[in-house]
C-alpha atoms as a PDB file:
ATOM      1  CA  MET A   1      -1.932 144.055 228.490  1.00  0.00           C
ATOM      2  CA  LEU A   2      -0.237 147.339 229.208  1.00  0.00           C
ATOM      3  CA  GLU A   3      -1.940 150.677 228.602  1.00  0.00           C
ATOM      4  CA  PHE A   4       0.393 153.594 228.083  1.00  0.00           C
ATOM      5  CA  ASP A   5      -0.784 157.082 227.092  1.00  0.00           C
ATOM      6  CA  GLY A   6      -3.931 155.719 225.481  1.00  0.00           C
ATOM      7  CA  VAL A   7      -2.177 152.916 223.588  1.00  0.00           C
ATOM      8  CA  ARG A   8      -2.801 149.325 224.600  1.00  0.00           C
ATOM      9  CA  LEU A   9       0.041 146.869 224.050  1.00  0.00           C
ATOM     10  CA  HIS A  10      -0.773 143.166 224.033  1.00  0.00           C
ATOM     11  CA  TRP A  11       2.068 140.647 223.799  1.00  0.00           C
ATOM     12  CA  LEU A  12       0.962 137.658 221.726  1.00  0.00           C
ATOM     13  CA  GLY A  13       4.100 135.630 222.412  1.00  0.00           C
ATOM     14  CA  HIS A  14       7.464 135.446 220.621  1.00  0.00           C
ATOM     15  CA  ASP A  15       7.770 138.711 218.592  1.00  0.00           C
ATOM     16  CA  GLY A  16       4.019 139.143 218.209  1.00  0.00           C
ATOM     17  CA  TYR A  17       2.083 142.189 219.394  1.00  0.00           C
ATOM     18  CA  LYS A  18      -1.351 143.700 219.082  1.00  0.00           C
ATOM     19  CA  LEU A  19      -1.485 147.480 219.461  1.00  0.00           C
ATOM     20  CA  THR A  20      -4.805 149.264 219.859  1.00  0.00           C
ATOM     21  CA  VAL A  21      -5.715 152.921 220.206  1.00  0.00           C
ATOM     22  CA  GLU A  22      -8.933 153.770 222.039  1.00  0.00           C
ATOM     23  CA  GLY A  23     -10.577 150.666 220.642  1.00  0.00           C
ATOM     24  CA  LYS A  24     -10.307 152.068 217.127  1.00  0.00           C
ATOM     25  CA  THR A  25      -7.133 151.218 215.253  1.00  0.00           C
ATOM     26  CA  VAL A  26      -5.943 147.599 215.582  1.00  0.00           C
ATOM     27  CA  ILE A  27      -2.360 146.828 214.554  1.00  0.00           C
ATOM     28  CA  TYR A  28      -0.718 143.400 214.644  1.00  0.00           C
ATOM     29  CA  ILE A  29       3.036 142.845 214.407  1.00  0.00           C
ATOM     30  CA  ASP A  30       4.569 139.453 213.511  1.00  0.00           C
ATOM     31  CA  PRO A  31       1.699 137.285 214.824  1.00  0.00           C
ATOM     32  CA  TYR A  32       2.823 133.700 215.430  1.00  0.00           C
ATOM     33  CA  GLN A  33       1.044 130.878 217.277  1.00  0.00           C
ATOM     34  CA  ILE A  34      -1.554 133.300 218.560  1.00  0.00           C
ATOM     35  CA  SER A  35      -3.843 132.039 221.310  1.00  0.00           C
ATOM     36  CA  ASP A  36      -7.362 130.768 220.662  1.00  0.00           C
ATOM     37  CA  SER A  37      -8.782 134.026 222.002  1.00  0.00           C
ATOM     38  CA  HIS A  38      -7.500 135.758 218.854  1.00  0.00           C
ATOM     39  CA  HIS A  39      -8.759 133.137 216.396  1.00  0.00           C
ATOM     40  CA  ASN A  40     -11.300 134.225 213.790  1.00  0.00           C
ATOM     41  CA  LYS A  41     -11.122 137.837 214.921  1.00  0.00           C
ATOM     42  CA  ASN A  42     -10.329 139.170 211.441  1.00  0.00           C
ATOM     43  CA  ASP A  43     -10.116 142.587 213.075  1.00  0.00           C
ATOM     44  CA  ALA A  44      -6.763 143.901 211.840  1.00  0.00           C
ATOM     45  CA  ASP A  45      -6.607 147.373 210.390  1.00  0.00           C
ATOM     46  CA  ILE A  46      -2.855 147.033 209.821  1.00  0.00           C
ATOM     47  CA  ILE A  47      -0.521 144.031 209.957  1.00  0.00           C
ATOM     48  CA  LEU A  48       3.244 144.560 210.025  1.00  0.00           C
ATOM     49  CA  LEU A  49       5.605 141.722 209.049  1.00  0.00           C
ATOM     50  CA  SER A  50       9.303 142.212 209.745  1.00  0.00           C
ATOM     51  CA  HIS A  51      10.665 139.397 207.573  1.00  0.00           C
ATOM     52  CA  ASN A  52       9.861 136.120 205.862  1.00  0.00           C
ATOM     53  CA  HIS A  53      10.787 133.522 208.500  1.00  0.00           C
ATOM     54  CA  PHE A  54       7.898 131.219 209.437  1.00  0.00           C
ATOM     55  CA  ASP A  55       7.713 132.544 212.996  1.00  0.00           C
ATOM     56  CA  HIS A  56       7.081 136.090 211.737  1.00  0.00           C
ATOM     57  CA  LEU A  57       5.198 135.526 208.491  1.00  0.00           C
ATOM     58  CA  SER A  58       2.747 132.811 209.551  1.00  0.00           C
ATOM     59  CA  MET A  59      -0.046 132.197 207.095  1.00  0.00           C
ATOM     60  CA  ASP A  60      -1.906 130.079 209.674  1.00  0.00           C
ATOM     61  CA  ASP A  61      -2.068 133.064 211.988  1.00  0.00           C
ATOM     62  CA  LEU A  62      -2.734 135.713 209.353  1.00  0.00           C
ATOM     63  CA  ARG A  63      -5.961 134.036 208.250  1.00  0.00           C
ATOM     64  CA  HIS A  64      -7.426 134.685 211.707  1.00  0.00           C
ATOM     65  CA  LEU A  65      -6.596 138.389 211.593  1.00  0.00           C
ATOM     66  CA  ILE A  66      -7.000 139.676 208.031  1.00  0.00           C
ATOM     67  CA  GLY A  67     -10.292 141.434 207.404  1.00  0.00           C
ATOM     68  CA  ASN A  68     -11.862 143.236 204.462  1.00  0.00           C
ATOM     69  CA  ASN A  69     -10.074 146.497 205.234  1.00  0.00           C
ATOM     70  CA  THR A  70      -6.680 145.170 206.343  1.00  0.00           C
ATOM     71  CA  THR A  71      -3.486 146.727 205.006  1.00  0.00           C
ATOM     72  CA  ILE A  72      -0.374 144.553 205.264  1.00  0.00           C
ATOM     73  CA  VAL A  73       3.024 146.260 205.401  1.00  0.00           C
ATOM     74  CA  ALA A  74       5.855 143.772 205.040  1.00  0.00           C
ATOM     75  CA  ALA A  75       9.532 143.532 204.215  1.00  0.00           C
ATOM     76  CA  LYS A  76       9.869 143.195 200.460  1.00  0.00           C
ATOM     77  CA  GLU A  77      11.180 139.640 200.794  1.00  0.00           C
ATOM     78  CA  CYS A  78       7.700 138.665 202.076  1.00  0.00           C
ATOM     79  CA  MET A  79       5.798 139.799 199.014  1.00  0.00           C
ATOM     80  CA  GLU A  80       5.991 136.553 197.043  1.00  0.00           C
ATOM     81  CA  GLN A  81       4.477 134.593 199.928  1.00  0.00           C
ATOM     82  CA  LEU A  82       1.748 137.193 200.350  1.00  0.00           C
ATOM     83  CA  LYS A  83       0.708 137.457 196.701  1.00  0.00           C
ATOM     84  CA  ASN A  84      -2.464 135.397 197.187  1.00  0.00           C
ATOM     85  CA  VAL A  85      -3.464 136.876 200.530  1.00  0.00           C
ATOM     86  CA  ARG A  86      -6.850 138.584 200.429  1.00  0.00           C
ATOM     87  CA  ALA A  87      -6.002 141.804 202.190  1.00  0.00           C
ATOM     88  CA  ALA A  88      -7.329 145.157 201.028  1.00  0.00           C
ATOM     89  CA  GLU A  89      -3.773 146.262 200.306  1.00  0.00           C
ATOM     90  CA  THR A  90      -0.264 144.832 200.630  1.00  0.00           C
ATOM     91  CA  LYS A  91       2.791 147.069 200.667  1.00  0.00           C
ATOM     92  CA  GLY A  92       6.434 145.973 200.492  1.00  0.00           C
ATOM     93  CA  VAL A  93       8.979 148.094 202.355  1.00  0.00           C
ATOM     94  CA  ALA A  94      12.744 148.352 202.766  1.00  0.00           C
ATOM     95  CA  PRO A  95      14.823 149.953 205.529  1.00  0.00           C
ATOM     96  CA  GLY A  96      14.428 153.730 205.316  1.00  0.00           C
ATOM     97  CA  ASP A  97      10.922 153.721 203.872  1.00  0.00           C
ATOM     98  CA  LYS A  98       8.302 155.956 205.489  1.00  0.00           C
ATOM     99  CA  LEU A  99       4.583 155.794 204.828  1.00  0.00           C
ATOM    100  CA  THR A 100       1.230 156.622 206.349  1.00  0.00           C
ATOM    101  CA  VAL A 101      -1.305 153.805 206.540  1.00  0.00           C
ATOM    102  CA  GLN A 102      -4.885 154.563 207.568  1.00  0.00           C
ATOM    103  CA  GLY A 103      -3.601 157.735 209.201  1.00  0.00           C
ATOM    104  CA  ILE A 104      -0.809 155.968 211.124  1.00  0.00           C
ATOM    105  CA  PRO A 105       2.818 157.017 210.407  1.00  0.00           C
ATOM    106  CA  ILE A 106       5.020 153.936 209.945  1.00  0.00           C
ATOM    107  CA  GLU A 107       8.754 153.739 209.299  1.00  0.00           C
ATOM    108  CA  ALA A 108      10.712 150.681 208.229  1.00  0.00           C
ATOM    109  CA  VAL A 109      14.190 150.477 209.733  1.00  0.00           C
ATOM    110  CA  ALA A 110      17.145 148.128 209.424  1.00  0.00           C
ATOM    111  CA  ALA A 111      17.192 144.798 211.291  1.00  0.00           C
ATOM    112  CA  TYR A 112      20.078 142.382 210.827  1.00  0.00           C
ATOM    113  CA  ASN A 113      22.677 140.171 212.478  1.00  0.00           C
ATOM    114  CA  THR A 114      26.265 141.253 213.017  1.00  0.00           C
ATOM    115  CA  ASN A 115      27.755 138.122 214.604  1.00  0.00           C
ATOM    116  CA  LYS A 116      25.570 135.363 213.151  1.00  0.00           C
ATOM    117  CA  HIS A 117      24.132 134.516 209.740  1.00  0.00           C
ATOM    118  CA  PHE A 118      20.368 134.137 210.233  1.00  0.00           C
ATOM    119  CA  HIS A 119      19.361 137.673 209.268  1.00  0.00           C
ATOM    120  CA  PRO A 120      21.844 139.119 206.743  1.00  0.00           C
ATOM    121  CA  LYS A 121      21.774 142.865 206.179  1.00  0.00           C
ATOM    122  CA  ALA A 122      21.512 142.288 202.423  1.00  0.00           C
ATOM    123  CA  ASP A 123      18.079 140.653 202.839  1.00  0.00           C
ATOM    124  CA  GLY A 124      16.409 143.940 203.743  1.00  0.00           C
ATOM    125  CA  LYS A 125      14.593 142.565 206.770  1.00  0.00           C
ATOM    126  CA  VAL A 126      13.070 145.341 208.845  1.00  0.00           C
ATOM    127  CA  GLY A 127      11.988 146.643 212.179  1.00  0.00           C
ATOM    128  CA  PHE A 128       9.167 149.172 212.476  1.00  0.00           C
ATOM    129  CA  ILE A 129       8.518 152.512 214.122  1.00  0.00           C
ATOM    130  CA  ILE A 130       4.786 153.097 214.617  1.00  0.00           C
ATOM    131  CA  THR A 131       3.624 156.504 215.835  1.00  0.00           C
ATOM    132  CA  LEU A 132       0.483 156.260 217.960  1.00  0.00           C
ATOM    133  CA  ASN A 133      -0.834 159.121 220.093  1.00  0.00           C
ATOM    134  CA  LYS A 134       2.413 160.968 219.341  1.00  0.00           C
ATOM    135  CA  MET A 135       4.452 158.073 220.772  1.00  0.00           C
ATOM    136  CA  ARG A 136       7.145 156.371 218.707  1.00  0.00           C
ATOM    137  CA  ILE A 137       6.915 152.625 219.289  1.00  0.00           C
ATOM    138  CA  TYR A 138       9.962 150.749 217.962  1.00  0.00           C
ATOM    139  CA  HIS A 139       9.603 147.034 217.178  1.00  0.00           C
ATOM    140  CA  THR A 140      13.186 146.053 216.423  1.00  0.00           C
ATOM    141  CA  GLY A 141      12.419 142.933 214.395  1.00  0.00           C
ATOM    142  CA  ASP A 142      15.029 140.162 214.576  1.00  0.00           C
ATOM    143  CA  THR A 143      18.280 142.036 215.009  1.00  0.00           C
ATOM    144  CA  ASP A 144      21.550 142.401 216.826  1.00  0.00           C
ATOM    145  CA  ASP A 145      22.944 145.589 218.330  1.00  0.00           C
ATOM    146  CA  ILE A 146      23.336 147.746 215.194  1.00  0.00           C
ATOM    147  CA  PRO A 147      24.459 151.369 214.617  1.00  0.00           C
ATOM    148  CA  GLU A 148      21.122 152.395 213.076  1.00  0.00           C
ATOM    149  CA  MET A 149      19.467 152.096 216.488  1.00  0.00           C
ATOM    150  CA  SER A 150      21.096 155.320 217.671  1.00  0.00           C
ATOM    151  CA  ALA A 151      18.982 157.469 215.332  1.00  0.00           C
ATOM    152  CA  ILE A 152      15.551 156.050 216.180  1.00  0.00           C
ATOM    153  CA  GLU A 153      14.774 157.910 219.425  1.00  0.00           C
ATOM    154  CA  PRO A 154      11.716 155.892 220.432  1.00  0.00           C
ATOM    155  CA  ASP A 155       9.389 156.361 223.365  1.00  0.00           C
ATOM    156  CA  ILE A 156       8.814 152.611 223.701  1.00  0.00           C
ATOM    157  CA  ALA A 157      11.080 149.825 222.422  1.00  0.00           C
ATOM    158  CA  LEU A 158      10.156 146.155 221.915  1.00  0.00           C
ATOM    159  CA  VAL A 159      13.447 144.272 222.049  1.00  0.00           C
ATOM    160  CA  PRO A 160      14.473 140.605 221.486  1.00  0.00           C
ATOM    161  CA  VAL A 161      16.418 139.016 224.341  1.00  0.00           C
ATOM    162  CA  SER A 162      16.722 135.262 223.714  1.00  0.00           C
ATOM    163  CA  GLY A 163      20.072 135.002 221.961  1.00  0.00           C
ATOM    164  CA  THR A 164      20.741 132.330 219.268  1.00  0.00           C
ATOM    165  CA  TYR A 165      19.037 134.208 216.402  1.00  0.00           C
ATOM    166  CA  VAL A 166      18.977 137.674 217.978  1.00  0.00           C
ATOM    167  CA  MET A 167      20.589 139.563 220.850  1.00  0.00           C
ATOM    168  CA  THR A 168      21.130 137.931 224.213  1.00  0.00           C
ATOM    169  CA  ALA A 169      19.646 139.629 227.269  1.00  0.00           C
ATOM    170  CA  GLU A 170      23.027 141.197 227.956  1.00  0.00           C
ATOM    171  CA  GLU A 171      23.454 142.429 224.376  1.00  0.00           C
ATOM    172  CA  ALA A 172      19.888 143.740 224.291  1.00  0.00           C
ATOM    173  CA  ALA A 173      20.355 145.662 227.535  1.00  0.00           C
ATOM    174  CA  LYS A 174      23.572 147.184 226.189  1.00  0.00           C
ATOM    175  CA  ALA A 175      21.769 148.251 222.997  1.00  0.00           C
ATOM    176  CA  VAL A 176      18.953 149.832 225.018  1.00  0.00           C
ATOM    177  CA  ASN A 177      21.310 151.609 227.413  1.00  0.00           C
ATOM    178  CA  GLU A 178      23.759 152.897 224.825  1.00  0.00           C
ATOM    179  CA  LYS A 179      21.873 153.290 221.524  1.00  0.00           C
ATOM    180  CA  ILE A 180      18.096 152.938 221.684  1.00  0.00           C
ATOM    181  CA  LYS A 181      17.580 154.866 224.947  1.00  0.00           C
ATOM    182  CA  PRO A 182      13.760 154.766 224.987  1.00  0.00           C
ATOM    183  CA  LYS A 183      12.222 157.839 226.563  1.00  0.00           C
ATOM    184  CA  LYS A 184       9.543 155.887 228.425  1.00  0.00           C
ATOM    185  CA  LEU A 185       9.788 152.107 228.359  1.00  0.00           C
ATOM    186  CA  ALA A 186      11.423 148.921 227.068  1.00  0.00           C
ATOM    187  CA  ILE A 187       9.614 145.590 226.707  1.00  0.00           C
ATOM    188  CA  PRO A 188      11.489 142.301 226.110  1.00  0.00           C
ATOM    189  CA  MET A 189      10.329 139.809 223.454  1.00  0.00           C
ATOM    190  CA  HIS A 190      11.522 136.812 221.399  1.00  0.00           C
ATOM    191  CA  TYR A 191      11.433 134.247 224.177  1.00  0.00           C
ATOM    192  CA  GLY A 192       9.125 131.538 225.483  1.00  0.00           C
ATOM    193  CA  SER A 193       8.384 130.024 222.078  1.00  0.00           C
ATOM    194  CA  ILE A 194      11.178 128.827 219.803  1.00  0.00           C
ATOM    195  CA  VAL A 195      14.125 129.868 221.928  1.00  0.00           C
ATOM    196  CA  GLY A 196      14.661 131.672 225.222  1.00  0.00           C
ATOM    197  CA  THR A 197      12.719 131.773 228.493  1.00  0.00           C
ATOM    198  CA  LYS A 198      11.316 134.333 230.893  1.00  0.00           C
ATOM    199  CA  LYS A 199      14.681 134.213 232.661  1.00  0.00           C
ATOM    200  CA  ASP A 200      16.097 136.096 229.663  1.00  0.00           C
ATOM    201  CA  ALA A 201      13.440 138.789 230.089  1.00  0.00           C
ATOM    202  CA  VAL A 202      14.203 139.070 233.801  1.00  0.00           C
ATOM    203  CA  LYS A 203      17.949 139.336 233.139  1.00  0.00           C
ATOM    204  CA  PHE A 204      17.273 142.075 230.582  1.00  0.00           C
ATOM    205  CA  LYS A 205      15.176 143.999 233.097  1.00  0.00           C
ATOM    206  CA  GLN A 206      17.937 143.746 235.694  1.00  0.00           C
ATOM    207  CA  LEU A 207      20.536 145.158 233.305  1.00  0.00           C
ATOM    208  CA  VAL A 208      18.603 148.022 231.682  1.00  0.00           C
ATOM    209  CA  THR A 209      19.309 151.395 233.275  1.00  0.00           C
ATOM    210  CA  ALA A 210      18.176 153.776 230.512  1.00  0.00           C
ATOM    211  CA  CYS A 211      14.447 153.416 231.154  1.00  0.00           C
ATOM    212  CA  PRO A 212      11.844 151.330 232.995  1.00  0.00           C
ATOM    213  CA  VAL A 213      11.233 147.781 231.741  1.00  0.00           C
ATOM    214  CA  GLU A 214       7.898 145.969 231.674  1.00  0.00           C
ATOM    215  CA  ILE A 215       7.652 142.196 231.203  1.00  0.00           C
ATOM    216  CA  LEU A 216       4.265 141.419 229.691  1.00  0.00           C
ATOM    217  CA  ASP A 217       2.229 138.249 230.077  1.00  0.00           C
ATOM    218  CA  LYS A 218       1.328 136.436 226.885  1.00  0.00           C
ATOM    219  CA  GLU A 219      -2.272 136.900 225.854  1.00  0.00           C
END
Protein backbone atom coordinates (compact mmCIF):
# COMPACT_ATOMS: atom_id res chain seq x y z
CA MET A 1 0.00 0.00 0.00
CA LEU A 2 1.15 3.49 -0.81
CA GLU A 3 -0.37 6.56 0.81
CA PHE A 4 -0.02 9.76 -1.16
CA ASP A 5 -1.67 13.04 -0.16
CA GLY A 6 -4.39 11.26 1.77
CA VAL A 7 -5.12 8.69 -0.95
CA ARG A 8 -4.24 5.06 -0.36
CA LEU A 9 -3.31 2.99 -3.41
CA HIS A 10 -3.42 -0.78 -3.11
CA TRP A 11 -2.21 -2.90 -6.03
CA LEU A 12 -4.34 -6.04 -6.30
CA GLY A 13 -2.21 -7.62 -9.02
CA HIS A 14 -2.32 -7.38 -12.82
CA ASP A 15 -4.23 -4.13 -13.63
CA GLY A 16 -6.25 -4.21 -10.41
CA TYR A 17 -6.26 -1.43 -7.82
CA LYS A 18 -8.15 -0.39 -4.74
CA LEU A 19 -8.13 3.34 -4.02
CA THR A 20 -9.36 4.67 -0.69
CA VAL A 21 -9.71 8.18 0.69
CA GLU A 22 -9.54 8.61 4.46
CA GLY A 23 -11.29 5.30 4.95
CA LYS A 24 -14.42 6.68 3.30
CA THR A 25 -14.65 6.24 -0.44
CA VAL A 26 -13.57 2.81 -1.77
CA ILE A 27 -12.87 2.51 -5.50
CA TYR A 28 -11.83 -0.66 -7.30
CA ILE A 29 -10.35 -0.72 -10.81
CA ASP A 30 -10.24 -3.89 -12.95
CA PRO A 31 -10.17 -6.40 -10.07
CA TYR A 32 -8.88 -9.80 -11.20
CA GLN A 33 -7.81 -12.80 -9.12
CA ILE A 34 -7.97 -10.73 -5.97
CA SER A 35 -6.42 -12.25 -2.86
CA ASP A 36 -8.46 -13.99 -0.16
CA SER A 37 -8.11 -10.93 2.07
CA HIS A 38 -10.49 -9.09 -0.28
CA HIS A 39 -13.06 -11.88 -0.55
CA ASN A 40 -16.59 -11.18 0.68
CA LYS A 41 -15.75 -7.56 1.43
CA ASN A 42 -18.61 -6.18 -0.67
CA ASP A 43 -17.30 -2.74 0.26
CA ALA A 44 -17.03 -1.01 -3.12
CA ASP A 45 -18.50 2.44 -3.51
CA ILE A 46 -17.34 2.59 -7.13
CA ILE A 47 -15.98 -0.07 -9.49
CA LEU A 48 -14.31 0.95 -12.74
CA LEU A 49 -13.94 -1.56 -15.60
CA SER A 50 -11.73 -0.57 -18.52
CA HIS A 51 -12.88 -3.21 -21.02
CA ASN A 52 -14.54 -6.58 -21.43
CA HIS A 53 -11.58 -9.00 -21.38
CA PHE A 54 -11.85 -11.66 -18.66
CA ASP A 55 -8.84 -10.32 -16.76
CA HIS A 56 -10.49 -6.91 -16.36
CA LEU A 57 -14.19 -7.76 -16.19
CA SER A 58 -14.12 -10.76 -13.85
CA MET A 59 -17.50 -11.77 -12.53
CA ASP A 60 -15.86 -14.09 -9.97
CA ASP A 61 -14.07 -11.12 -8.46
CA LEU A 62 -16.91 -8.62 -8.74
CA ARG A 63 -19.19 -10.72 -6.55
CA HIS A 64 -16.79 -10.23 -3.64
CA LEU A 65 -16.78 -6.45 -4.01
CA ILE A 66 -20.24 -5.27 -5.08
CA GLY A 67 -22.37 -3.98 -2.24
CA ASN A 68 -25.82 -2.44 -1.94
CA ASN A 69 -24.58 1.04 -2.82
CA THR A 70 -22.00 0.19 -5.49
CA THR A 71 -21.91 2.14 -8.75
CA ILE A 72 -20.16 0.41 -11.65
CA VAL A 73 -18.66 2.55 -14.41
CA ALA A 74 -17.57 0.46 -17.37
CA ALA A 75 -16.68 0.70 -21.03
CA LYS A 76 -19.87 0.36 -23.04
CA GLU A 77 -18.75 -2.98 -24.46
CA CYS A 78 -19.06 -4.40 -20.91
CA MET A 79 -22.71 -3.56 -20.45
CA GLU A 80 -24.17 -6.78 -21.86
CA GLN A 81 -22.11 -8.89 -19.46
CA LEU A 82 -23.11 -6.67 -16.55
CA LYS A 83 -26.85 -6.59 -17.22
CA ASN A 84 -27.67 -9.05 -14.42
CA VAL A 85 -25.21 -7.67 -11.88
CA ARG A 86 -26.91 -6.43 -8.72
CA ALA A 87 -25.19 -3.11 -8.32
CA ALA A 88 -27.05 0.02 -7.28
CA GLU A 89 -26.21 1.58 -10.63
CA THR A 90 -24.28 0.64 -13.77
CA LYS A 91 -23.06 3.26 -16.21
CA GLY A 92 -21.55 2.66 -19.65
CA VAL A 93 -18.91 5.12 -20.85
CA ALA A 94 -16.91 5.88 -23.98
CA PRO A 95 -13.63 7.78 -24.42
CA GLY A 96 -14.26 11.47 -23.73
CA ASP A 97 -17.09 10.98 -21.26
CA LYS A 98 -16.95 12.86 -17.96
CA LEU A 99 -19.16 12.20 -14.97
CA THR A 100 -19.33 12.59 -11.22
CA VAL A 101 -20.08 9.47 -9.20
CA GLN A 102 -20.78 9.76 -5.48
CA GLY A 103 -18.98 13.09 -5.53
CA ILE A 104 -15.90 11.73 -7.36
CA PRO A 105 -15.03 13.25 -10.78
CA ILE A 106 -14.26 10.48 -13.29
CA GLU A 107 -13.19 10.78 -16.92
CA ALA A 108 -13.07 7.99 -19.48
CA VAL A 109 -10.18 8.27 -21.93
CA ALA A 110 -9.00 6.33 -24.96
CA ALA A 111 -7.07 3.06 -24.55
CA TYR A 112 -6.05 1.05 -27.60
CA ASN A 113 -3.27 -0.78 -29.42
CA THR A 114 -1.29 0.78 -32.25
CA ASN A 115 1.00 -2.11 -33.22
CA LYS A 116 -1.06 -5.15 -32.24
CA HIS A 117 -4.69 -6.22 -32.58
CA PHE A 118 -5.87 -7.09 -29.06
CA HIS A 119 -7.43 -3.73 -28.19
CA PRO A 120 -8.70 -2.00 -31.35
CA LYS A 121 -9.50 1.69 -31.11
CA ALA A 122 -12.94 1.04 -32.62
CA ASP A 123 -13.96 -1.03 -29.57
CA GLY A 124 -14.11 2.01 -27.31
CA LYS A 125 -12.10 0.45 -24.50
CA VAL A 126 -11.11 3.02 -21.91
CA GLY A 127 -8.69 4.21 -19.32
CA PHE A 128 -9.84 6.34 -16.40
CA ILE A 129 -8.88 9.59 -14.71
CA ILE A 130 -10.12 9.68 -11.11
CA THR A 131 -9.78 12.92 -9.14
CA LEU A 132 -9.23 12.28 -5.44
CA ASN A 133 -8.10 14.97 -2.99
CA LYS A 134 -7.48 17.22 -6.00
CA MET A 135 -5.10 14.64 -7.51
CA ARG A 136 -5.65 13.29 -11.01
CA ILE A 137 -4.96 9.55 -10.98
CA TYR A 138 -4.68 8.08 -14.49
CA HIS A 139 -5.28 4.34 -14.94
CA THR A 140 -4.32 3.84 -18.57
CA GLY A 141 -6.25 0.62 -19.14
CA ASP A 142 -4.75 -1.78 -21.70
CA THR A 143 -3.07 0.52 -24.18
CA ASP A 144 -0.03 1.34 -26.24
CA ASP A 145 1.71 4.70 -26.45
CA ILE A 146 -1.08 6.85 -27.94
CA PRO A 147 -1.36 10.58 -28.79
CA GLU A 148 -4.28 11.14 -26.39
CA MET A 149 -1.93 10.66 -23.43
CA SER A 150 -0.38 14.09 -23.99
CA ALA A 151 -3.56 15.91 -22.91
CA ILE A 152 -4.20 14.06 -19.64
CA GLU A 153 -1.77 15.84 -17.30
CA PRO A 154 -2.06 13.45 -14.36
CA ASP A 155 -0.49 13.64 -10.94
CA ILE A 156 -0.18 9.85 -10.71
CA ALA A 157 -0.13 7.37 -13.60
CA LEU A 158 -0.73 3.61 -13.42
CA VAL A 159 0.96 2.18 -16.50
CA PRO A 160 1.17 -1.32 -18.08
CA VAL A 161 4.69 -2.60 -18.72
CA SER A 162 4.53 -6.29 -19.70
CA GLY A 163 4.44 -6.13 -23.48
CA THR A 164 2.51 -8.72 -25.58
CA TYR A 165 -0.93 -7.12 -25.12
CA VAL A 166 0.21 -3.67 -23.98
CA MET A 167 3.35 -1.55 -23.92
CA THR A 168 6.72 -3.05 -23.09
CA ALA A 169 8.69 -1.53 -20.22
CA GLU A 170 10.67 0.48 -22.74
CA GLU A 171 7.57 1.72 -24.57
CA ALA A 172 5.83 2.54 -21.29
CA ALA A 173 8.81 4.55 -20.05
CA LYS A 174 8.91 6.47 -23.33
CA ALA A 175 5.18 7.24 -23.03
CA VAL A 176 5.65 8.46 -19.45
CA ASN A 177 8.70 10.57 -20.27
CA GLU A 178 7.37 12.14 -23.45
CA LYS A 179 3.56 12.23 -23.20
CA ILE A 180 2.07 11.38 -19.81
CA LYS A 181 4.63 13.27 -17.69
CA PRO A 182 2.99 12.66 -14.28
CA LYS A 183 3.51 15.52 -11.87
CA LYS A 184 4.14 13.25 -8.88
CA LEU A 185 4.46 9.54 -9.56
CA ALA A 186 4.24 6.58 -11.95
CA ILE A 187 3.36 3.04 -10.88
CA PRO A 188 3.88 0.02 -13.18
CA MET A 189 1.17 -2.64 -13.62
CA HIS A 190 0.06 -5.48 -15.93
CA TYR A 191 2.69 -8.00 -14.91
CA GLY A 192 3.04 -10.97 -12.58
CA SER A 193 -0.23 -12.61 -13.61
CA ILE A 194 -0.96 -13.46 -17.24
CA VAL A 195 2.17 -12.01 -18.80
CA GLY A 196 5.23 -10.10 -17.60
CA THR A 197 7.30 -10.22 -14.41
CA LYS A 198 8.65 -7.84 -11.81
CA LYS A 199 11.72 -7.49 -14.03
CA ASP A 200 9.52 -5.47 -16.40
CA ALA A 201 8.55 -3.15 -13.55
CA VAL A 202 12.19 -2.73 -12.55
CA LYS A 203 13.22 -1.97 -16.14
CA PHE A 204 10.44 0.62 -16.36
CA LYS A 205 11.64 2.28 -13.16
CA GLN A 206 15.19 2.43 -14.49
CA LEU A 207 14.09 4.14 -17.70
CA VAL A 208 11.59 6.71 -16.38
CA THR A 209 13.09 10.16 -15.92
CA ALA A 210 9.95 12.34 -15.87
CA CYS A 211 8.91 11.49 -12.31
CA PRO A 212 9.57 9.10 -9.41
CA VAL A 213 8.43 5.49 -9.83
CA GLU A 214 7.03 3.25 -7.10
CA ILE A 215 6.77 -0.53 -7.52
CA LEU A 216 3.98 -1.77 -5.27
CA ASP A 217 3.66 -5.18 -3.65
CA LYS A 218 0.53 -7.14 -4.48
CA GLU A 219 -2.01 -7.17 -1.68
